Amino acid sequence: MLRKAAALKAVRLAELLDVTPMQVSRWENGRKPLERRAVALVSALALEVEGKAATRAVLEALATRKKVSRSVRLDVNAAR
């Protein structure tokens, strides 16, 4: 699976995707169909290993689930 290309252990991938390690095992053994979000995220992680993206850092930050101490406004139009 792409997980190995992304240099991730199954337990860590499960944490980042908010699924159980058993679910990752089921995907890898073909017992359950792979969720599209998992394919997208693991593919992005594999690209990062090749130096083409920063997806892992984003997922690691999201996985920490830190609360924001104040309101934050994000202007998505500013990035254009």
Protein backbone atom coordinates (compact mmCIF):
# COMPACT_ATOMS: atom_id res chain seq x y z
CA MET A 1 0.00 0.00 0.00
CA LEU A 2 0.98 3.61 -0.34
CA ARG A 3 1.33 3.74 3.44
CA LYS A 4 4.77 2.18 3.18
CA ALA A 5 5.78 4.64 0.47
CA ALA A 6 4.67 7.40 2.82
CA ALA A 7 6.92 5.92 5.53
CA LEU A 8 4.05 5.50 8.00
CA LYS A 9 3.26 2.74 10.45
CA ALA A 10 -0.30 1.45 10.31
CA VAL A 11 -1.05 2.75 13.81
CA ARG A 12 0.06 6.29 12.94
CA LEU A 13 -1.87 6.28 9.66
CA ALA A 14 -4.96 5.19 11.59
CA GLU A 15 -4.49 8.08 14.01
CA LEU A 16 -4.06 10.60 11.19
CA LEU A 17 -7.16 9.33 9.37
CA ASP A 18 -9.17 9.00 12.61
CA VAL A 19 -9.87 5.30 12.03
CA THR A 20 -8.81 2.20 13.94
CA PRO A 21 -5.61 0.30 13.12
CA MET A 22 -7.92 -2.66 12.38
CA GLN A 23 -9.58 -0.61 9.63
CA VAL A 24 -6.18 0.09 8.05
CA SER A 25 -5.43 -3.63 8.22
CA ARG A 26 -8.74 -4.46 6.53
CA TRP A 27 -7.97 -2.04 3.71
CA GLU A 28 -4.49 -3.45 3.22
CA ASN A 29 -5.71 -7.06 3.23
CA GLY A 30 -8.55 -6.33 0.81
CA ARG A 31 -11.29 -7.18 3.29
CA LYS A 32 -12.83 -3.71 3.09
CA PRO A 33 -12.84 -1.25 0.20
CA LEU A 34 -10.46 1.64 0.66
CA GLU A 35 -12.17 4.91 1.47
CA ARG A 36 -11.56 7.68 -1.03
CA ARG A 37 -10.35 10.07 1.66
CA ALA A 38 -7.74 7.53 2.71
CA VAL A 39 -6.52 7.12 -0.87
CA ALA A 40 -6.28 10.88 -1.31
CA LEU A 41 -4.44 11.49 1.95
CA VAL A 42 -2.03 8.58 1.67
CA SER A 43 -1.27 9.50 -1.94
CA ALA A 44 -0.49 13.05 -0.83
CA LEU A 45 1.74 11.69 1.94
CA ALA A 46 3.61 9.53 -0.57
CA LEU A 47 4.21 12.61 -2.72
CA GLU A 48 5.58 14.39 0.32
CA VAL A 49 8.14 11.64 0.84
CA GLU A 50 9.32 12.51 -2.66
CA GLY A 51 9.59 16.15 -1.58
CA LYS A 52 6.52 17.31 -3.48
CA ALA A 53 4.07 18.29 -0.72
CA ALA A 54 3.67 19.24 2.93
CA THR A 55 0.64 17.08 3.65
CA ARG A 56 2.12 15.13 6.55
CA ALA A 57 2.86 18.29 8.51
CA VAL A 58 -0.72 19.45 8.02
CA LEU A 59 -2.14 16.09 9.11
CA GLU A 60 0.17 15.95 12.12
CA ALA A 61 -1.01 19.41 13.17
CA LEU A 62 -4.65 18.45 12.72
CA ALA A 63 -4.16 15.23 14.65
CA THR A 64 -3.01 17.13 17.74
CA ARG A 65 -6.48 18.69 18.02
CA LYS A 66 -5.27 21.74 19.88
CA LYS A 67 -7.95 24.22 20.72
CA VAL A 68 -7.55 27.71 19.36
CA SER A 69 -7.42 30.17 22.23
CA ARG A 70 -9.25 32.87 20.30
CA SER A 71 -11.35 33.30 17.21
CA VAL A 72 -9.48 33.16 13.94
CA ARG A 73 -10.69 34.58 10.65
CA LEU A 74 -9.39 33.03 7.46
CA ASP A 75 -9.63 35.01 4.24
CA VAL A 76 -9.51 32.41 1.48
CA ASN A 77 -9.70 35.07 -1.22
CA ALA A 78 -6.35 36.52 -0.16
CA ALA A 79 -4.54 33.44 -1.45
CA ARG A 80 -5.62 34.03 -5.05
